[in-house]
Amino acid sequence: MEFSELYAKARAVINPRKLSELAEAGGVGAAILAANGQVYTGVCIDTACSMGFCAEHAAAAAMVTAGQNLVLKLIAVNWDGKILPPCGRCREFISQLHPDNLNAEIMLDENTIVTLRELLPYLWHDYS
């Protein structure tokens, strides 16, 4: 699957909305291509006390819920269509789901695709 298809799937789940006085969701969408060929999507949830989570985290949770944990490709897209790199928390989270996730391709912008290992060059568990 090409990143253009993953981009479209991530963009399709974006639906910014207010959930309550203390929470909003859907401003960022993410899509993960798993080793089984399925695409798992998720959206961010932002809360007033920072207990929410990123779209990448939500997509990874959907993937794990479906019994998968090996990521081949990942993309996140903002409400305005801009591609976003995963935050440090999401990078670390996904790296711990399967050792081969370090080989996952991550689109950072229209012209840049890197592996998760390139985003996490000095893994803390390599030194333990």
N, C-alpha and C. Protein backbone atom coordinates (compact mmCIF):
# COMPACT_ATOMS: atom_id res chain seq x y z
N MET A 1 0.85 -1.18 0.00
CA MET A 1 0.00 0.00 0.00
C MET A 1 0.90 1.24 0.00
N GLU A 2 0.54 2.18 -0.82
CA GLU A 2 1.29 3.43 -0.93
C GLU A 2 0.90 4.39 0.19
N PHE A 3 1.80 5.31 0.50
CA PHE A 3 1.50 6.31 1.53
C PHE A 3 0.33 7.20 1.13
N SER A 4 0.11 7.38 -0.17
CA SER A 4 -1.02 8.21 -0.60
C SER A 4 -2.35 7.60 -0.14
N GLU A 5 -2.45 6.27 -0.16
CA GLU A 5 -3.66 5.60 0.32
C GLU A 5 -3.79 5.72 1.84
N LEU A 6 -2.67 5.57 2.55
CA LEU A 6 -2.69 5.73 4.01
C LEU A 6 -3.06 7.15 4.39
N TYR A 7 -2.53 8.11 3.64
CA TYR A 7 -2.87 9.52 3.88
C TYR A 7 -4.39 9.71 3.78
N ALA A 8 -4.98 9.17 2.73
CA ALA A 8 -6.43 9.32 2.53
C ALA A 8 -7.22 8.69 3.67
N LYS A 9 -6.77 7.55 4.16
CA LYS A 9 -7.47 6.88 5.26
C LYS A 9 -7.33 7.67 6.57
N ALA A 10 -6.16 8.23 6.80
CA ALA A 10 -5.96 9.06 8.00
C ALA A 10 -6.80 10.32 7.91
N ARG A 11 -6.83 10.92 6.76
CA ARG A 11 -7.60 12.17 6.56
C ARG A 11 -9.10 11.90 6.70
N ALA A 12 -9.54 10.72 6.30
CA ALA A 12 -10.97 10.39 6.32
C ALA A 12 -11.55 10.30 7.73
N VAL A 13 -10.72 10.02 8.73
CA VAL A 13 -11.25 9.89 10.10
C VAL A 13 -11.21 11.21 10.87
N ILE A 14 -10.60 12.23 10.28
CA ILE A 14 -10.54 13.53 10.96
C ILE A 14 -11.94 14.12 11.04
N ASN A 15 -12.32 14.50 12.24
CA ASN A 15 -13.64 15.09 12.48
C ASN A 15 -13.55 15.90 13.77
N PRO A 16 -12.94 17.10 13.71
CA PRO A 16 -12.77 17.88 14.94
C PRO A 16 -14.11 18.19 15.59
N ARG A 17 -14.17 17.90 16.89
CA ARG A 17 -15.42 18.17 17.62
C ARG A 17 -15.15 18.27 19.10
N LYS A 18 -16.04 18.96 19.76
CA LYS A 18 -15.98 19.10 21.20
C LYS A 18 -16.77 17.96 21.82
N LEU A 19 -16.14 17.21 22.71
CA LEU A 19 -16.82 16.10 23.37
C LEU A 19 -17.55 16.56 24.62
N SER A 20 -16.93 17.51 25.30
CA SER A 20 -17.49 18.05 26.54
C SER A 20 -16.80 19.38 26.80
N GLU A 21 -17.09 19.98 27.92
CA GLU A 21 -16.40 21.22 28.29
C GLU A 21 -14.91 20.98 28.52
N LEU A 22 -14.54 19.74 28.75
CA LEU A 22 -13.16 19.42 29.10
C LEU A 22 -12.42 18.58 28.06
N ALA A 23 -13.07 18.23 26.96
CA ALA A 23 -12.41 17.34 26.00
C ALA A 23 -12.83 17.64 24.56
N GLU A 24 -11.86 17.49 23.68
CA GLU A 24 -12.07 17.61 22.24
C GLU A 24 -11.44 16.41 21.56
N ALA A 25 -11.88 16.11 20.36
CA ALA A 25 -11.33 14.96 19.63
C ALA A 25 -11.35 15.21 18.13
N GLY A 26 -10.56 14.40 17.43
CA GLY A 26 -10.65 14.31 15.98
C GLY A 26 -9.89 15.32 15.16
N GLY A 27 -9.04 16.14 15.77
CA GLY A 27 -8.29 17.13 15.00
C GLY A 27 -7.13 16.56 14.23
N VAL A 28 -6.67 15.38 14.62
CA VAL A 28 -5.59 14.66 13.93
C VAL A 28 -6.05 13.23 13.71
N GLY A 29 -5.78 12.70 12.53
CA GLY A 29 -6.07 11.31 12.22
C GLY A 29 -4.78 10.58 11.89
N ALA A 30 -4.73 9.31 12.21
CA ALA A 30 -3.55 8.50 11.90
C ALA A 30 -4.00 7.19 11.26
N ALA A 31 -3.11 6.64 10.45
CA ALA A 31 -3.35 5.34 9.84
C ALA A 31 -2.09 4.50 9.93
N ILE A 32 -2.28 3.24 10.34
CA ILE A 32 -1.19 2.27 10.45
C ILE A 32 -1.48 1.12 9.49
N LEU A 33 -0.50 0.78 8.67
CA LEU A 33 -0.57 -0.44 7.87
C LEU A 33 0.13 -1.52 8.68
N ALA A 34 -0.61 -2.54 9.06
CA ALA A 34 -0.06 -3.64 9.84
C ALA A 34 0.43 -4.76 8.92
N ALA A 35 1.18 -5.68 9.50
CA ALA A 35 1.76 -6.78 8.72
C ALA A 35 0.70 -7.69 8.09
N ASN A 36 -0.51 -7.70 8.65
CA ASN A 36 -1.58 -8.52 8.08
C ASN A 36 -2.25 -7.85 6.88
N GLY A 37 -1.78 -6.67 6.50
CA GLY A 37 -2.33 -5.96 5.35
C GLY A 37 -3.50 -5.05 5.67
N GLN A 38 -3.96 -5.08 6.90
CA GLN A 38 -5.09 -4.24 7.32
C GLN A 38 -4.58 -2.85 7.73
N VAL A 39 -5.45 -1.87 7.58
CA VAL A 39 -5.15 -0.51 8.00
C VAL A 39 -5.99 -0.20 9.24
N TYR A 40 -5.34 0.32 10.26
CA TYR A 40 -6.01 0.70 11.51
C TYR A 40 -5.87 2.19 11.67
N THR A 41 -6.98 2.83 12.02
CA THR A 41 -6.99 4.29 12.13
C THR A 41 -7.36 4.71 13.55
N GLY A 42 -7.06 5.96 13.84
CA GLY A 42 -7.41 6.53 15.13
C GLY A 42 -7.37 8.04 15.05
N VAL A 43 -7.97 8.67 16.04
CA VAL A 43 -7.95 10.13 16.15
C VAL A 43 -7.42 10.52 17.52
N CYS A 44 -6.96 11.76 17.62
CA CYS A 44 -6.48 12.26 18.90
C CYS A 44 -7.67 12.61 19.79
N ILE A 45 -7.43 12.53 21.09
CA ILE A 45 -8.38 13.02 22.09
C ILE A 45 -7.61 13.93 23.02
N ASP A 46 -8.01 15.19 23.08
CA ASP A 46 -7.35 16.18 23.93
C ASP A 46 -8.25 16.53 25.10
N THR A 47 -7.67 16.46 26.31
CA THR A 47 -8.44 16.78 27.51
C THR A 47 -7.80 17.94 28.25
N ALA A 48 -8.58 18.58 29.09
CA ALA A 48 -8.11 19.75 29.82
C ALA A 48 -6.93 19.45 30.74
N CYS A 49 -6.85 18.25 31.27
CA CYS A 49 -5.77 17.92 32.19
C CYS A 49 -4.71 17.02 31.54
N SER A 50 -4.64 17.02 30.22
CA SER A 50 -3.61 16.31 29.46
C SER A 50 -3.65 14.79 29.61
N MET A 51 -4.81 14.23 29.85
CA MET A 51 -4.93 12.78 29.93
C MET A 51 -5.35 12.16 28.60
N GLY A 52 -5.41 12.93 27.56
CA GLY A 52 -5.79 12.41 26.26
C GLY A 52 -4.65 11.65 25.61
N PHE A 53 -4.79 11.39 24.31
CA PHE A 53 -3.73 10.70 23.60
C PHE A 53 -3.76 11.06 22.13
N CYS A 54 -2.67 10.74 21.47
CA CYS A 54 -2.48 11.08 20.06
C CYS A 54 -3.22 10.11 19.15
N ALA A 55 -3.40 10.53 17.92
CA ALA A 55 -4.06 9.69 16.92
C ALA A 55 -3.26 8.42 16.64
N GLU A 56 -1.92 8.52 16.65
CA GLU A 56 -1.09 7.35 16.43
C GLU A 56 -1.30 6.31 17.53
N HIS A 57 -1.42 6.80 18.75
CA HIS A 57 -1.66 5.93 19.91
C HIS A 57 -3.01 5.22 19.74
N ALA A 58 -4.02 5.97 19.31
CA ALA A 58 -5.36 5.39 19.11
C ALA A 58 -5.33 4.35 17.98
N ALA A 59 -4.62 4.63 16.90
CA ALA A 59 -4.54 3.68 15.79
C ALA A 59 -3.80 2.41 16.23
N ALA A 60 -2.74 2.57 17.00
CA ALA A 60 -2.00 1.42 17.52
C ALA A 60 -2.87 0.59 18.45
N ALA A 61 -3.67 1.25 19.26
CA ALA A 61 -4.58 0.52 20.17
C ALA A 61 -5.61 -0.27 19.36
N ALA A 62 -6.12 0.30 18.28
CA ALA A 62 -7.07 -0.42 17.43
C ALA A 62 -6.40 -1.64 16.80
N MET A 63 -5.15 -1.48 16.40
CA MET A 63 -4.40 -2.58 15.81
C MET A 63 -4.20 -3.71 16.84
N VAL A 64 -3.80 -3.35 18.05
CA VAL A 64 -3.59 -4.35 19.09
C VAL A 64 -4.91 -5.02 19.47
N THR A 65 -5.98 -4.24 19.51
CA THR A 65 -7.30 -4.81 19.80
C THR A 65 -7.68 -5.87 18.78
N ALA A 66 -7.26 -5.67 17.53
CA ALA A 66 -7.55 -6.62 16.46
C ALA A 66 -6.58 -7.80 16.43
N GLY A 67 -5.66 -7.83 17.39
CA GLY A 67 -4.74 -8.95 17.48
C GLY A 67 -3.43 -8.79 16.73
N GLN A 68 -3.14 -7.58 16.29
CA GLN A 68 -1.92 -7.31 15.53
C GLN A 68 -0.97 -6.44 16.36
N ASN A 69 0.34 -6.49 16.05
CA ASN A 69 1.27 -5.60 16.74
C ASN A 69 2.49 -5.24 15.90
N LEU A 70 2.53 -5.68 14.64
CA LEU A 70 3.65 -5.37 13.76
C LEU A 70 3.24 -4.29 12.75
N VAL A 71 3.90 -3.13 12.85
CA VAL A 71 3.61 -1.97 12.00
C VAL A 71 4.54 -1.96 10.80
N LEU A 72 3.96 -1.79 9.60
CA LEU A 72 4.77 -1.63 8.40
C LEU A 72 4.92 -0.16 8.03
N LYS A 73 3.82 0.60 8.12
CA LYS A 73 3.83 2.01 7.75
C LYS A 73 2.92 2.78 8.69
N LEU A 74 3.25 4.07 8.87
CA LEU A 74 2.46 4.94 9.74
C LEU A 74 2.46 6.36 9.20
N ILE A 75 1.29 6.99 9.29
CA ILE A 75 1.18 8.40 8.91
C ILE A 75 0.15 9.06 9.83
N ALA A 76 0.40 10.32 10.15
CA ALA A 76 -0.56 11.14 10.90
C ALA A 76 -0.79 12.43 10.13
N VAL A 77 -2.05 12.89 10.16
CA VAL A 77 -2.44 14.06 9.37
C VAL A 77 -3.26 15.01 10.24
N ASN A 78 -2.92 16.27 10.19
CA ASN A 78 -3.62 17.32 10.92
C ASN A 78 -4.92 17.68 10.19
N TRP A 79 -5.80 18.40 10.88
CA TRP A 79 -7.10 18.79 10.31
C TRP A 79 -6.97 19.56 9.01
N ASP A 80 -5.83 20.26 8.81
CA ASP A 80 -5.65 21.04 7.59
C ASP A 80 -4.92 20.27 6.49
N GLY A 81 -4.70 18.96 6.71
CA GLY A 81 -4.06 18.12 5.71
C GLY A 81 -2.56 17.99 5.83
N LYS A 82 -1.96 18.69 6.78
CA LYS A 82 -0.51 18.64 6.96
C LYS A 82 -0.11 17.32 7.62
N ILE A 83 0.91 16.69 7.09
CA ILE A 83 1.46 15.46 7.67
C ILE A 83 2.27 15.83 8.90
N LEU A 84 2.09 15.07 9.98
CA LEU A 84 2.78 15.34 11.24
C LEU A 84 3.66 14.16 11.62
N PRO A 85 4.87 14.42 12.13
CA PRO A 85 5.67 13.31 12.66
C PRO A 85 5.11 12.88 14.02
N PRO A 86 5.28 11.61 14.38
CA PRO A 86 4.79 11.17 15.69
C PRO A 86 5.61 11.80 16.82
N CYS A 87 4.96 12.07 17.92
CA CYS A 87 5.65 12.62 19.08
C CYS A 87 6.53 11.54 19.70
N GLY A 88 7.35 11.92 20.63
CA GLY A 88 8.25 10.98 21.29
C GLY A 88 7.52 9.86 22.01
N ARG A 89 6.42 10.18 22.66
CA ARG A 89 5.64 9.16 23.37
C ARG A 89 5.13 8.10 22.40
N CYS A 90 4.61 8.52 21.26
CA CYS A 90 4.09 7.57 20.28
C CYS A 90 5.22 6.76 19.64
N ARG A 91 6.34 7.39 19.39
CA ARG A 91 7.50 6.66 18.84
C ARG A 91 7.90 5.53 19.78
N GLU A 92 8.05 5.87 21.04
CA GLU A 92 8.46 4.89 22.04
C GLU A 92 7.40 3.80 22.20
N PHE A 93 6.15 4.20 22.29
CA PHE A 93 5.04 3.25 22.46
C PHE A 93 5.03 2.21 21.34
N ILE A 94 5.08 2.68 20.10
CA ILE A 94 5.01 1.78 18.96
C ILE A 94 6.26 0.90 18.89
N SER A 95 7.42 1.45 19.27
CA SER A 95 8.64 0.64 19.24
C SER A 95 8.58 -0.54 20.20
N GLN A 96 7.82 -0.42 21.27
CA GLN A 96 7.75 -1.48 22.27
C GLN A 96 6.70 -2.55 21.96
N LEU A 97 5.84 -2.32 20.97
CA LEU A 97 4.80 -3.29 20.64
C LEU A 97 5.35 -4.52 19.92
N HIS A 98 6.43 -4.34 19.16
CA HIS A 98 7.07 -5.44 18.43
C HIS A 98 8.49 -4.98 18.09
N PRO A 99 9.50 -5.83 18.27
CA PRO A 99 10.87 -5.39 17.98
C PRO A 99 11.08 -4.96 16.53
N ASP A 100 10.36 -5.57 15.60
CA ASP A 100 10.51 -5.20 14.19
C ASP A 100 9.81 -3.89 13.82
N ASN A 101 9.08 -3.31 14.76
CA ASN A 101 8.47 -2.01 14.48
C ASN A 101 9.52 -0.93 14.27
N LEU A 102 10.74 -1.17 14.69
CA LEU A 102 11.82 -0.22 14.43
C LEU A 102 12.08 -0.08 12.94
N ASN A 103 11.63 -1.05 12.14
CA ASN A 103 11.77 -0.98 10.68
C ASN A 103 10.57 -0.35 10.00
N ALA A 104 9.55 0.00 10.76
CA ALA A 104 8.35 0.62 10.19
C ALA A 104 8.71 1.91 9.48
N GLU A 105 8.07 2.14 8.34
CA GLU A 105 8.28 3.39 7.60
C GLU A 105 7.31 4.44 8.12
N ILE A 106 7.85 5.61 8.42
CA ILE A 106 7.06 6.72 8.95
C ILE A 106 7.17 7.90 7.98
N MET A 107 6.04 8.40 7.52
CA MET A 107 6.08 9.59 6.65
C MET A 107 6.07 10.83 7.53
N LEU A 108 7.11 11.66 7.36
CA LEU A 108 7.25 12.88 8.15
C LEU A 108 6.70 14.11 7.44
N ASP A 109 6.81 14.11 6.13
CA ASP A 109 6.22 15.14 5.27
C ASP A 109 6.15 14.56 3.87
N GLU A 110 5.69 15.34 2.92
CA GLU A 110 5.48 14.83 1.56
C GLU A 110 6.72 14.22 0.94
N ASN A 111 7.90 14.67 1.36
CA ASN A 111 9.14 14.23 0.73
C ASN A 111 10.05 13.41 1.64
N THR A 112 9.59 13.09 2.84
CA THR A 112 10.48 12.43 3.79
C THR A 112 9.81 11.22 4.43
N ILE A 113 10.42 10.06 4.21
CA ILE A 113 10.00 8.81 4.84
C ILE A 113 11.24 8.24 5.53
N VAL A 114 11.10 7.94 6.81
CA VAL A 114 12.20 7.37 7.59
C VAL A 114 11.68 6.15 8.35
N THR A 115 12.61 5.39 8.89
CA THR A 115 12.21 4.27 9.75
C THR A 115 12.05 4.77 11.18
N LEU A 116 11.32 4.02 11.96
CA LEU A 116 11.17 4.35 13.37
C LEU A 116 12.53 4.33 14.06
N ARG A 117 13.41 3.42 13.67
CA ARG A 117 14.75 3.38 14.25
C ARG A 117 15.49 4.70 14.02
N GLU A 118 15.30 5.29 12.84
CA GLU A 118 15.95 6.58 12.57
C GLU A 118 15.42 7.67 13.49
N LEU A 119 14.16 7.55 13.91
CA LEU A 119 13.59 8.53 14.83
C LEU A 119 13.99 8.24 16.28
N LEU A 120 14.43 7.02 16.54
CA LEU A 120 14.84 6.61 17.89
C LEU A 120 16.24 5.98 17.83
N PRO A 121 17.27 6.77 17.53
CA PRO A 121 18.59 6.18 17.29
C PRO A 121 19.27 5.60 18.54
N TYR A 122 18.96 6.09 19.71
CA TYR A 122 19.62 5.63 20.93
C TYR A 122 18.57 5.08 21.90
N LEU A 123 18.08 3.90 21.60
CA LEU A 123 17.04 3.28 22.42
C LEU A 123 17.55 2.98 23.82
N TRP A 124 16.80 3.37 24.80
CA TRP A 124 17.22 3.18 26.19
C TRP A 124 17.44 1.71 26.52
N HIS A 125 16.63 0.83 25.92
CA HIS A 125 16.77 -0.59 26.24
C HIS A 125 17.95 -1.26 25.54
N ASP A 126 18.58 -0.58 24.58
CA ASP A 126 19.81 -1.09 24.00
C ASP A 126 20.98 -0.96 24.96
N TYR A 127 20.81 -0.13 25.97
CA TYR A 127 21.88 0.14 26.92
C TYR A 127 21.63 -0.45 28.30
N SER A 128 20.56 -1.22 28.45
CA SER A 128 20.27 -1.77 29.78
C SER A 128 20.93 -3.11 29.97
